[in-house]
Each structure stands twice: as structure tokens, then as C-alpha cells.
Amino acid sequence: MNTIQPTLILTPEQIRQKIRRIAFQIYETNFEEPALLLAGISGEGYVLAQALAQELQRIAPFSVELLQLRLDKTQPAQPPVEASGSVTDFTDKVVIVVDDVLYTGRTLAFSLQPFLSVPIRKLQVAVLVDRNYPRYPVSADYKGYELSTTLTDHVDVVLSDDTRMGVYLR
């Protein structure tokens, strides 16, 4: 059986550079805010949110809160998204939803649900890789890397395993 080896698109060092650049962009856009809330989508999106939070804490004077959004990406009709914090924690805050890859926008569209019934200050989206095949009206405010792919290509982002860290195309 012939298996196709994935192509390395971003090395660990390049990923760290993208994370730092995204953090600076977030800071520049929100420098007057007293606090930010990073809502990472479970899996590599949450790992990315953790890395962004660490970088922001190094460069920005405001406080950075972190929460995890849990949803089942395999469900065609998404049950309510679970957040690791209370809904009242979002009130009057800048919320940045973070995921590893933006493909069709479906996952991010569902991830916005917990924030729609709360008076938040601003809602933004950050992704490491934007594949740009929008089917839902969701776009990223902060992008680490834009990648033109075919519909059959698959992008794997590995942030949680230091031995395999990278962005791969297969």
C-alpha cells in the first residue's frame, strides 16, 4: 500500500513566529481594553489560545483570560456548545474565539453561540491557518497563514505534541 507523506507547511519556529505576530496584532487592535477573553475551541484551537495568552501576557498590559469551548465537530446538527466559564464572565468583554484552522467556517459559526446572548464589547476570530473555503459567514480577524488548497486536501495542525509540532498538508 502506497501512503502519501504529509508535506510540512510550517515548522515549529515558524509557528512560534506566527503566534507572536498574531499576539501583537491582537494587542494593537485592543490596546485600550482592560482585559481580553480568549475562547479556544477544544483540541489544537485551545492549545493555540493558550500560546496566544502566554505571548499576550508578555507584551500587553491588560489581563488575559482563557476558556475552552467544547463541541462535537462531527455532529451535523450541533448541540449547545459548552464553555468552561460562566456566561456572565463574558459580559462587557472583548472575546476572541481561537481555532487552529478555518476551513468552511462551520465550527467557528457554532462556536459563536455562547456569546450571542450576552452583551459583549467585541467579538473577534483568530486562526493559525485560513484555508479560505467559506460556506458560513465567518472570517478571521487574525490569521497566521493563508493557504490555498483543494477541497480534497487536509491540513493537520499539531501544537500539543512537541516531537511532531508543525502544520502539515496531505
N, C-alpha and C. Protein backbone atom coordinates (compact mmCIF):
# COMPACT_ATOMS: atom_id res chain seq x y z
N MET A 1 0.84 -1.19 0.00
CA MET A 1 0.00 0.00 0.00
C MET A 1 0.88 1.24 0.00
N ASN A 2 0.57 2.18 -0.86
CA ASN A 2 1.34 3.40 -1.00
C ASN A 2 0.69 4.51 -0.17
N THR A 3 1.40 4.98 0.86
CA THR A 3 0.88 6.06 1.68
C THR A 3 1.60 7.34 1.31
N ILE A 4 0.84 8.39 1.22
CA ILE A 4 1.41 9.70 0.86
C ILE A 4 1.91 10.37 2.13
N GLN A 5 3.16 10.80 2.10
CA GLN A 5 3.74 11.50 3.23
C GLN A 5 3.20 12.93 3.28
N PRO A 6 2.82 13.39 4.46
CA PRO A 6 2.35 14.78 4.55
C PRO A 6 3.50 15.75 4.28
N THR A 7 3.15 16.90 3.73
CA THR A 7 4.12 17.96 3.45
C THR A 7 4.13 18.95 4.60
N LEU A 8 5.30 19.21 5.13
CA LEU A 8 5.43 20.19 6.21
C LEU A 8 5.26 21.59 5.63
N ILE A 9 4.27 22.32 6.12
CA ILE A 9 3.98 23.67 5.65
C ILE A 9 4.58 24.72 6.58
N LEU A 10 4.46 24.51 7.90
CA LEU A 10 5.03 25.42 8.89
C LEU A 10 5.82 24.62 9.92
N THR A 11 7.05 25.04 10.16
CA THR A 11 7.91 24.42 11.15
C THR A 11 7.54 24.94 12.55
N PRO A 12 8.05 24.31 13.60
CA PRO A 12 7.78 24.83 14.95
C PRO A 12 8.21 26.30 15.11
N GLU A 13 9.37 26.65 14.58
CA GLU A 13 9.84 28.04 14.68
C GLU A 13 8.91 28.99 13.93
N GLN A 14 8.46 28.61 12.76
CA GLN A 14 7.53 29.45 12.00
C GLN A 14 6.21 29.59 12.74
N ILE A 15 5.74 28.53 13.37
CA ILE A 15 4.50 28.59 14.16
C ILE A 15 4.67 29.58 15.30
N ARG A 16 5.78 29.52 16.01
CA ARG A 16 6.03 30.46 17.11
C ARG A 16 6.04 31.90 16.59
N GLN A 17 6.64 32.13 15.41
CA GLN A 17 6.64 33.47 14.83
C GLN A 17 5.22 33.93 14.50
N LYS A 18 4.41 33.04 13.96
CA LYS A 18 3.02 33.39 13.62
C LYS A 18 2.24 33.72 14.88
N ILE A 19 2.43 32.94 15.93
CA ILE A 19 1.73 33.18 17.20
C ILE A 19 2.13 34.54 17.76
N ARG A 20 3.41 34.85 17.72
CA ARG A 20 3.88 36.15 18.22
C ARG A 20 3.28 37.29 17.40
N ARG A 21 3.26 37.14 16.08
CA ARG A 21 2.70 38.19 15.21
C ARG A 21 1.21 38.38 15.48
N ILE A 22 0.46 37.27 15.61
CA ILE A 22 -0.97 37.37 15.92
C ILE A 22 -1.17 38.08 17.26
N ALA A 23 -0.34 37.73 18.25
CA ALA A 23 -0.46 38.38 19.57
C ALA A 23 -0.24 39.89 19.46
N PHE A 24 0.75 40.31 18.69
CA PHE A 24 0.98 41.74 18.50
C PHE A 24 -0.20 42.40 17.79
N GLN A 25 -0.77 41.73 16.81
CA GLN A 25 -1.94 42.29 16.11
C GLN A 25 -3.12 42.43 17.06
N ILE A 26 -3.33 41.43 17.90
CA ILE A 26 -4.41 41.49 18.89
C ILE A 26 -4.17 42.66 19.84
N TYR A 27 -2.95 42.81 20.29
CA TYR A 27 -2.60 43.91 21.19
C TYR A 27 -2.83 45.26 20.52
N GLU A 28 -2.37 45.41 19.29
CA GLU A 28 -2.53 46.68 18.57
C GLU A 28 -3.99 47.06 18.37
N THR A 29 -4.83 46.06 18.11
CA THR A 29 -6.25 46.32 17.88
C THR A 29 -7.00 46.60 19.19
N ASN A 30 -6.52 46.05 20.29
CA ASN A 30 -7.25 46.13 21.55
C ASN A 30 -6.45 46.80 22.67
N PHE A 31 -5.51 47.67 22.32
CA PHE A 31 -4.60 48.24 23.32
C PHE A 31 -5.31 49.05 24.40
N GLU A 32 -6.50 49.57 24.11
CA GLU A 32 -7.21 50.39 25.10
C GLU A 32 -8.11 49.56 26.01
N GLU A 33 -8.20 48.28 25.77
CA GLU A 33 -9.08 47.42 26.57
C GLU A 33 -8.43 47.05 27.91
N PRO A 34 -9.24 46.91 28.96
CA PRO A 34 -8.67 46.50 30.25
C PRO A 34 -8.39 44.99 30.32
N ALA A 35 -9.12 44.21 29.49
CA ALA A 35 -8.96 42.76 29.55
C ALA A 35 -9.45 42.13 28.25
N LEU A 36 -8.93 40.95 27.96
CA LEU A 36 -9.38 40.15 26.83
C LEU A 36 -9.75 38.77 27.32
N LEU A 37 -10.67 38.15 26.59
CA LEU A 37 -11.03 36.76 26.87
C LEU A 37 -10.74 35.96 25.61
N LEU A 38 -9.83 35.00 25.70
CA LEU A 38 -9.53 34.10 24.59
C LEU A 38 -10.32 32.82 24.79
N ALA A 39 -11.17 32.50 23.81
CA ALA A 39 -12.01 31.30 23.88
C ALA A 39 -11.50 30.31 22.84
N GLY A 40 -10.72 29.34 23.30
CA GLY A 40 -10.13 28.36 22.40
C GLY A 40 -11.05 27.17 22.18
N ILE A 41 -11.19 26.77 20.92
CA ILE A 41 -12.01 25.61 20.59
C ILE A 41 -11.23 24.36 20.95
N SER A 42 -11.88 23.43 21.65
CA SER A 42 -11.21 22.25 22.19
C SER A 42 -10.33 21.59 21.14
N GLY A 43 -9.22 21.04 21.61
CA GLY A 43 -8.23 20.44 20.73
C GLY A 43 -7.11 21.44 20.47
N GLU A 44 -6.62 21.48 19.25
CA GLU A 44 -5.49 22.34 18.91
C GLU A 44 -5.85 23.82 18.97
N GLY A 45 -7.14 24.15 18.81
CA GLY A 45 -7.57 25.54 18.94
C GLY A 45 -7.35 26.06 20.35
N TYR A 46 -7.60 25.21 21.35
CA TYR A 46 -7.38 25.61 22.74
C TYR A 46 -5.88 25.72 23.04
N VAL A 47 -5.09 24.82 22.47
CA VAL A 47 -3.64 24.89 22.65
C VAL A 47 -3.11 26.20 22.04
N LEU A 48 -3.62 26.58 20.87
CA LEU A 48 -3.25 27.85 20.25
C LEU A 48 -3.66 29.02 21.14
N ALA A 49 -4.85 28.96 21.71
CA ALA A 49 -5.32 30.04 22.60
C ALA A 49 -4.40 30.16 23.82
N GLN A 50 -3.95 29.03 24.35
CA GLN A 50 -3.02 29.06 25.49
C GLN A 50 -1.70 29.74 25.10
N ALA A 51 -1.18 29.41 23.92
CA ALA A 51 0.06 30.01 23.45
C ALA A 51 -0.11 31.51 23.22
N LEU A 52 -1.25 31.92 22.65
CA LEU A 52 -1.53 33.34 22.45
C LEU A 52 -1.64 34.07 23.79
N ALA A 53 -2.29 33.43 24.76
CA ALA A 53 -2.44 34.03 26.09
C ALA A 53 -1.07 34.26 26.73
N GLN A 54 -0.17 33.28 26.62
CA GLN A 54 1.18 33.44 27.17
C GLN A 54 1.92 34.59 26.50
N GLU A 55 1.82 34.66 25.18
CA GLU A 55 2.50 35.72 24.44
C GLU A 55 1.92 37.09 24.79
N LEU A 56 0.59 37.17 24.87
CA LEU A 56 -0.05 38.45 25.22
C LEU A 56 0.33 38.89 26.62
N GLN A 57 0.46 37.96 27.55
CA GLN A 57 0.83 38.32 28.91
C GLN A 57 2.25 38.88 28.97
N ARG A 58 3.10 38.48 28.00
CA ARG A 58 4.47 39.02 27.93
C ARG A 58 4.50 40.44 27.38
N ILE A 59 3.61 40.75 26.42
CA ILE A 59 3.74 42.02 25.69
C ILE A 59 2.69 43.07 26.03
N ALA A 60 1.56 42.66 26.59
CA ALA A 60 0.45 43.60 26.78
C ALA A 60 0.20 43.87 28.27
N PRO A 61 -0.23 45.08 28.60
CA PRO A 61 -0.50 45.41 30.00
C PRO A 61 -1.86 44.90 30.50
N PHE A 62 -2.77 44.55 29.59
CA PHE A 62 -4.09 44.14 30.03
C PHE A 62 -4.09 42.66 30.47
N SER A 63 -5.15 42.32 31.22
CA SER A 63 -5.26 40.92 31.66
C SER A 63 -5.85 40.08 30.54
N VAL A 64 -5.47 38.81 30.52
CA VAL A 64 -5.93 37.87 29.51
C VAL A 64 -6.53 36.67 30.22
N GLU A 65 -7.82 36.44 29.94
CA GLU A 65 -8.50 35.27 30.49
C GLU A 65 -8.61 34.22 29.39
N LEU A 66 -8.69 32.97 29.81
CA LEU A 66 -8.72 31.87 28.86
C LEU A 66 -9.85 30.93 29.22
N LEU A 67 -10.60 30.52 28.21
CA LEU A 67 -11.62 29.49 28.44
C LEU A 67 -11.65 28.54 27.25
N GLN A 68 -12.20 27.38 27.50
CA GLN A 68 -12.26 26.36 26.46
C GLN A 68 -13.70 26.15 26.00
N LEU A 69 -13.88 26.12 24.68
CA LEU A 69 -15.19 25.82 24.09
C LEU A 69 -15.18 24.37 23.65
N ARG A 70 -16.16 23.60 24.10
CA ARG A 70 -16.24 22.18 23.74
C ARG A 70 -17.45 21.95 22.85
N LEU A 71 -17.18 21.35 21.69
CA LEU A 71 -18.25 20.99 20.78
C LEU A 71 -17.84 19.75 20.01
N ASP A 72 -18.82 19.08 19.46
CA ASP A 72 -18.57 17.86 18.68
C ASP A 72 -18.59 18.24 17.21
N LYS A 73 -17.42 18.32 16.60
CA LYS A 73 -17.30 18.76 15.21
C LYS A 73 -17.90 17.76 14.23
N THR A 74 -18.17 16.54 14.68
CA THR A 74 -18.70 15.51 13.78
C THR A 74 -20.21 15.54 13.68
N GLN A 75 -20.89 16.26 14.56
CA GLN A 75 -22.36 16.30 14.55
C GLN A 75 -22.88 17.24 13.47
N PRO A 76 -23.79 16.76 12.60
CA PRO A 76 -24.35 17.65 11.58
C PRO A 76 -25.23 18.76 12.18
N ALA A 77 -25.98 18.45 13.23
CA ALA A 77 -26.77 19.44 13.95
C ALA A 77 -26.12 19.57 15.32
N GLN A 78 -25.47 20.68 15.54
CA GLN A 78 -24.65 20.87 16.73
C GLN A 78 -25.50 21.08 17.99
N PRO A 79 -25.29 20.24 19.02
CA PRO A 79 -25.92 20.53 20.31
C PRO A 79 -25.28 21.79 20.91
N PRO A 80 -25.83 22.33 21.98
CA PRO A 80 -25.28 23.55 22.54
C PRO A 80 -23.78 23.41 22.85
N VAL A 81 -23.04 24.45 22.56
CA VAL A 81 -21.60 24.48 22.81
C VAL A 81 -21.39 24.71 24.29
N GLU A 82 -20.47 23.96 24.89
CA GLU A 82 -20.15 24.11 26.30
C GLU A 82 -18.91 24.98 26.46
N ALA A 83 -18.98 25.91 27.40
CA ALA A 83 -17.83 26.76 27.70
C ALA A 83 -17.37 26.46 29.12
N SER A 84 -16.07 26.55 29.34
CA SER A 84 -15.52 26.23 30.66
C SER A 84 -15.75 27.32 31.69
N GLY A 85 -16.38 28.43 31.31
CA GLY A 85 -16.67 29.51 32.24
C GLY A 85 -18.15 29.83 32.26
N SER A 86 -18.54 30.74 33.12
CA SER A 86 -19.93 31.16 33.22
C SER A 86 -20.24 32.18 32.13
N VAL A 87 -21.47 32.18 31.64
CA VAL A 87 -21.89 33.13 30.60
C VAL A 87 -21.73 34.56 31.09
N THR A 88 -21.94 34.82 32.35
CA THR A 88 -21.81 36.17 32.87
C THR A 88 -20.36 36.65 32.84
N ASP A 89 -19.40 35.70 32.74
CA ASP A 89 -17.98 36.08 32.66
C ASP A 89 -17.67 36.82 31.36
N PHE A 90 -18.53 36.72 30.35
CA PHE A 90 -18.28 37.33 29.05
C PHE A 90 -18.78 38.77 28.97
N THR A 91 -19.63 39.17 29.89
CA THR A 91 -20.29 40.47 29.82
C THR A 91 -19.29 41.61 29.73
N ASP A 92 -19.52 42.49 28.74
CA ASP A 92 -18.72 43.70 28.52
C ASP A 92 -17.23 43.42 28.32
N LYS A 93 -16.93 42.29 27.68
CA LYS A 93 -15.53 41.94 27.41
C LYS A 93 -15.31 41.79 25.92
N VAL A 94 -14.04 41.95 25.53
CA VAL A 94 -13.62 41.62 24.18
C VAL A 94 -13.35 40.12 24.19
N VAL A 95 -14.03 39.41 23.31
CA VAL A 95 -13.88 37.96 23.21
C VAL A 95 -13.23 37.63 21.87
N ILE A 96 -12.20 36.82 21.91
CA ILE A 96 -11.55 36.35 20.69
C ILE A 96 -11.66 34.83 20.66
N VAL A 97 -12.42 34.33 19.69
CA VAL A 97 -12.57 32.89 19.51
C VAL A 97 -11.37 32.41 18.70
N VAL A 98 -10.71 31.35 19.18
CA VAL A 98 -9.45 30.89 18.59
C VAL A 98 -9.59 29.44 18.14
N ASP A 99 -9.17 29.17 16.89
CA ASP A 99 -9.13 27.79 16.38
C ASP A 99 -7.87 27.61 15.54
N ASP A 100 -7.53 26.36 15.30
CA ASP A 100 -6.31 26.09 14.55
C ASP A 100 -6.48 26.35 13.06
N VAL A 101 -7.58 25.87 12.45
CA VAL A 101 -7.79 26.00 11.01
C VAL A 101 -9.19 26.53 10.73
N LEU A 102 -9.27 27.51 9.84
CA LEU A 102 -10.56 27.97 9.33
C LEU A 102 -10.72 27.37 7.94
N TYR A 103 -11.71 26.50 7.79
CA TYR A 103 -11.93 25.84 6.50
C TYR A 103 -13.25 26.37 5.93
N THR A 104 -14.38 25.81 6.35
CA THR A 104 -15.67 26.27 5.84
C THR A 104 -16.30 27.34 6.74
N GLY A 105 -15.84 27.44 7.97
CA GLY A 105 -16.42 28.37 8.93
C GLY A 105 -17.48 27.75 9.81
N ARG A 106 -17.81 26.48 9.57
CA ARG A 106 -18.88 25.81 10.32
C ARG A 106 -18.57 25.74 11.82
N THR A 107 -17.38 25.24 12.16
CA THR A 107 -17.02 25.10 13.57
C THR A 107 -17.02 26.46 14.25
N LEU A 108 -16.44 27.45 13.61
CA LEU A 108 -16.41 28.79 14.21
C LEU A 108 -17.81 29.38 14.33
N ALA A 109 -18.67 29.14 13.36
CA ALA A 109 -20.05 29.65 13.43
C ALA A 109 -20.76 29.08 14.66
N PHE A 110 -20.62 27.77 14.89
CA PHE A 110 -21.23 27.16 16.07
C PHE A 110 -20.58 27.67 17.35
N SER A 111 -19.30 27.96 17.30
CA SER A 111 -18.56 28.41 18.49
C SER A 111 -18.95 29.80 18.95
N LEU A 112 -19.59 30.56 18.09
CA LEU A 112 -20.03 31.90 18.47
C LEU A 112 -21.27 31.88 19.35
N GLN A 113 -21.99 30.77 19.34
CA GLN A 113 -23.28 30.65 20.03
C GLN A 113 -23.28 31.10 21.49
N PRO A 114 -22.30 30.72 22.33
CA PRO A 114 -22.37 31.14 23.74
C PRO A 114 -22.29 32.65 23.94
N PHE A 115 -21.80 33.37 22.95
CA PHE A 115 -21.57 34.81 23.10
C PHE A 115 -22.70 35.66 22.54
N LEU A 116 -23.66 35.05 21.86
CA LEU A 116 -24.71 35.81 21.18
C LEU A 116 -25.78 36.34 22.13
N SER A 117 -25.93 35.74 23.30
CA SER A 117 -26.97 36.18 24.23
C SER A 117 -26.41 37.03 25.37
N VAL A 118 -25.17 37.46 25.24
CA VAL A 118 -24.52 38.23 26.30
C VAL A 118 -24.03 39.55 25.70
N PRO A 119 -24.20 40.66 26.41
CA PRO A 119 -23.71 41.94 25.88
C PRO A 119 -22.19 42.05 25.99
N ILE A 120 -21.49 41.53 24.98
CA ILE A 120 -20.03 41.62 24.97
C ILE A 120 -19.61 42.91 24.28
N ARG A 121 -18.39 43.32 24.50
CA ARG A 121 -17.87 44.56 23.92
C ARG A 121 -17.53 44.37 22.44
N LYS A 122 -16.87 43.24 22.12
CA LYS A 122 -16.42 42.98 20.76
C LYS A 122 -16.19 41.48 20.63
N LEU A 123 -16.45 40.94 19.42
CA LEU A 123 -16.22 39.51 19.15
C LEU A 123 -15.32 39.40 17.94
N GLN A 124 -14.18 38.75 18.10
CA GLN A 124 -13.21 38.59 17.03
C GLN A 124 -12.83 37.12 16.88
N VAL A 125 -12.15 36.81 15.78
CA VAL A 125 -11.75 35.42 15.49
C VAL A 125 -10.26 35.42 15.13
N ALA A 126 -9.53 34.44 15.70
CA ALA A 126 -8.12 34.24 15.37
C ALA A 126 -7.90 32.79 14.98
N VAL A 127 -7.16 32.56 13.90
CA VAL A 127 -6.82 31.21 13.45
C VAL A 127 -5.35 31.17 13.05
N LEU A 128 -4.76 29.97 13.16
CA LEU A 128 -3.39 29.81 12.70
C LEU A 128 -3.34 29.67 11.19
N VAL A 129 -4.27 28.88 10.61
CA VAL A 129 -4.30 28.65 9.17
C VAL A 129 -5.70 28.96 8.64
N ASP A 130 -5.76 29.78 7.60
CA ASP A 130 -7.02 30.08 6.92
C ASP A 130 -6.99 29.43 5.54
N ARG A 131 -7.86 28.43 5.33
CA ARG A 131 -7.92 27.73 4.04
C ARG A 131 -8.83 28.42 3.05
N ASN A 132 -9.68 29.31 3.52
CA ASN A 132 -10.49 30.17 2.66
C ASN A 132 -11.46 29.42 1.74
N TYR A 133 -12.28 28.56 2.32
CA TYR A 133 -13.40 27.92 1.60
C TYR A 133 -14.69 28.24 2.35
N PRO A 134 -15.06 29.51 2.45
CA PRO A 134 -16.18 29.86 3.32
C PRO A 134 -17.53 29.34 2.82
N ARG A 135 -18.22 28.66 3.69
CA ARG A 135 -19.62 28.28 3.46
C ARG A 135 -20.52 28.98 4.48
N TYR A 136 -19.91 29.48 5.52
CA TYR A 136 -20.61 30.20 6.57
C TYR A 136 -20.04 31.61 6.61
N PRO A 137 -20.83 32.59 7.03
CA PRO A 137 -20.35 33.98 7.01
C PRO A 137 -19.41 34.28 8.19
N VAL A 138 -18.30 33.56 8.24
CA VAL A 138 -17.32 33.74 9.30
C VAL A 138 -15.96 33.96 8.64
N SER A 139 -15.28 34.99 9.08
CA SER A 139 -13.92 35.21 8.60
C SER A 139 -13.04 35.50 9.81
N ALA A 140 -11.75 35.35 9.62
CA ALA A 140 -10.81 35.55 10.72
C ALA A 140 -10.31 37.00 10.73
N ASP A 141 -10.30 37.58 11.91
CA ASP A 141 -9.71 38.91 12.09
C ASP A 141 -8.20 38.82 12.16
N TYR A 142 -7.71 37.68 12.67
CA TYR A 142 -6.27 37.46 12.82
C TYR A 142 -5.94 36.11 12.21
N LYS A 143 -4.98 36.10 11.28
CA LYS A 143 -4.59 34.88 10.59
C LYS A 143 -3.08 34.73 10.65
N GLY A 144 -2.63 33.52 10.96
CA GLY A 144 -1.20 33.28 10.94
C GLY A 144 -0.70 33.00 9.54
N TYR A 145 -1.49 32.25 8.77
CA TYR A 145 -1.05 31.80 7.45
C TYR A 145 -2.26 31.53 6.59
N GLU A 146 -2.28 32.05 5.38
CA GLU A 146 -3.35 31.76 4.43
C GLU A 146 -2.83 30.73 3.45
N LEU A 147 -3.64 29.70 3.21
CA LEU A 147 -3.20 28.58 2.40
C LEU A 147 -4.28 28.22 1.39
N SER A 148 -3.93 28.26 0.12
CA SER A 148 -4.85 27.85 -0.94
C SER A 148 -4.72 26.34 -1.11
N THR A 149 -5.82 25.65 -0.97
CA THR A 149 -5.83 24.19 -1.07
C THR A 149 -6.97 23.76 -1.97
N THR A 150 -6.99 22.47 -2.27
CA THR A 150 -8.14 21.89 -2.97
C THR A 150 -9.10 21.37 -1.91
N LEU A 151 -10.31 21.05 -2.33
CA LEU A 151 -11.30 20.53 -1.38
C LEU A 151 -10.89 19.18 -0.80
N THR A 152 -10.08 18.42 -1.53
CA THR A 152 -9.67 17.10 -1.05
C THR A 152 -8.43 17.15 -0.15
N ASP A 153 -7.73 18.27 -0.11
CA ASP A 153 -6.57 18.40 0.77
C ASP A 153 -7.02 18.44 2.22
N HIS A 154 -6.11 18.02 3.08
CA HIS A 154 -6.38 18.06 4.51
C HIS A 154 -5.21 18.76 5.19
N VAL A 155 -5.50 19.68 6.08
CA VAL A 155 -4.47 20.40 6.83
C VAL A 155 -4.51 19.91 8.27
N ASP A 156 -3.37 19.42 8.75
CA ASP A 156 -3.22 18.99 10.14
C ASP A 156 -2.36 19.99 10.88
N VAL A 157 -2.87 20.51 11.98
CA VAL A 157 -2.09 21.39 12.84
C VAL A 157 -1.78 20.60 14.11
N VAL A 158 -0.49 20.48 14.42
CA VAL A 158 -0.06 19.76 15.61
C VAL A 158 0.69 20.76 16.49
N LEU A 159 0.06 21.12 17.60
CA LEU A 159 0.67 22.05 18.55
C LEU A 159 0.92 21.38 19.89
N SER A 160 0.15 20.35 20.21
CA SER A 160 0.19 19.73 21.53
C SER A 160 1.24 18.64 21.65
N ASP A 161 1.95 18.29 20.59
CA ASP A 161 2.98 17.26 20.61
C ASP A 161 4.29 17.88 20.12
N ASP A 162 5.20 18.17 21.06
CA ASP A 162 6.45 18.85 20.71
C ASP A 162 7.29 18.07 19.70
N THR A 163 7.18 16.77 19.69
CA THR A 163 8.00 15.97 18.77
C THR A 163 7.49 16.05 17.33
N ARG A 164 6.22 16.35 17.15
CA ARG A 164 5.62 16.43 15.80
C ARG A 164 5.07 17.82 15.48
N MET A 165 5.37 18.81 16.30
CA MET A 165 4.81 20.15 16.13
C MET A 165 5.03 20.65 14.70
N GLY A 166 3.93 21.13 14.09
CA GLY A 166 4.02 21.66 12.74
C GLY A 166 2.64 21.75 12.11
N VAL A 167 2.60 22.32 10.92
CA VAL A 167 1.39 22.35 10.10
C VAL A 167 1.70 21.52 8.87
N TYR A 168 0.83 20.54 8.62
CA TYR A 168 1.07 19.57 7.55
C TYR A 168 -0.08 19.59 6.55
N LEU A 169 0.26 19.37 5.29
CA LEU A 169 -0.74 19.26 4.22
C LEU A 169 -0.66 17.84 3.68
N ARG A 170 -1.83 17.21 3.60
CA ARG A 170 -1.87 15.86 2.99
C ARG A 170 -3.11 15.75 2.14
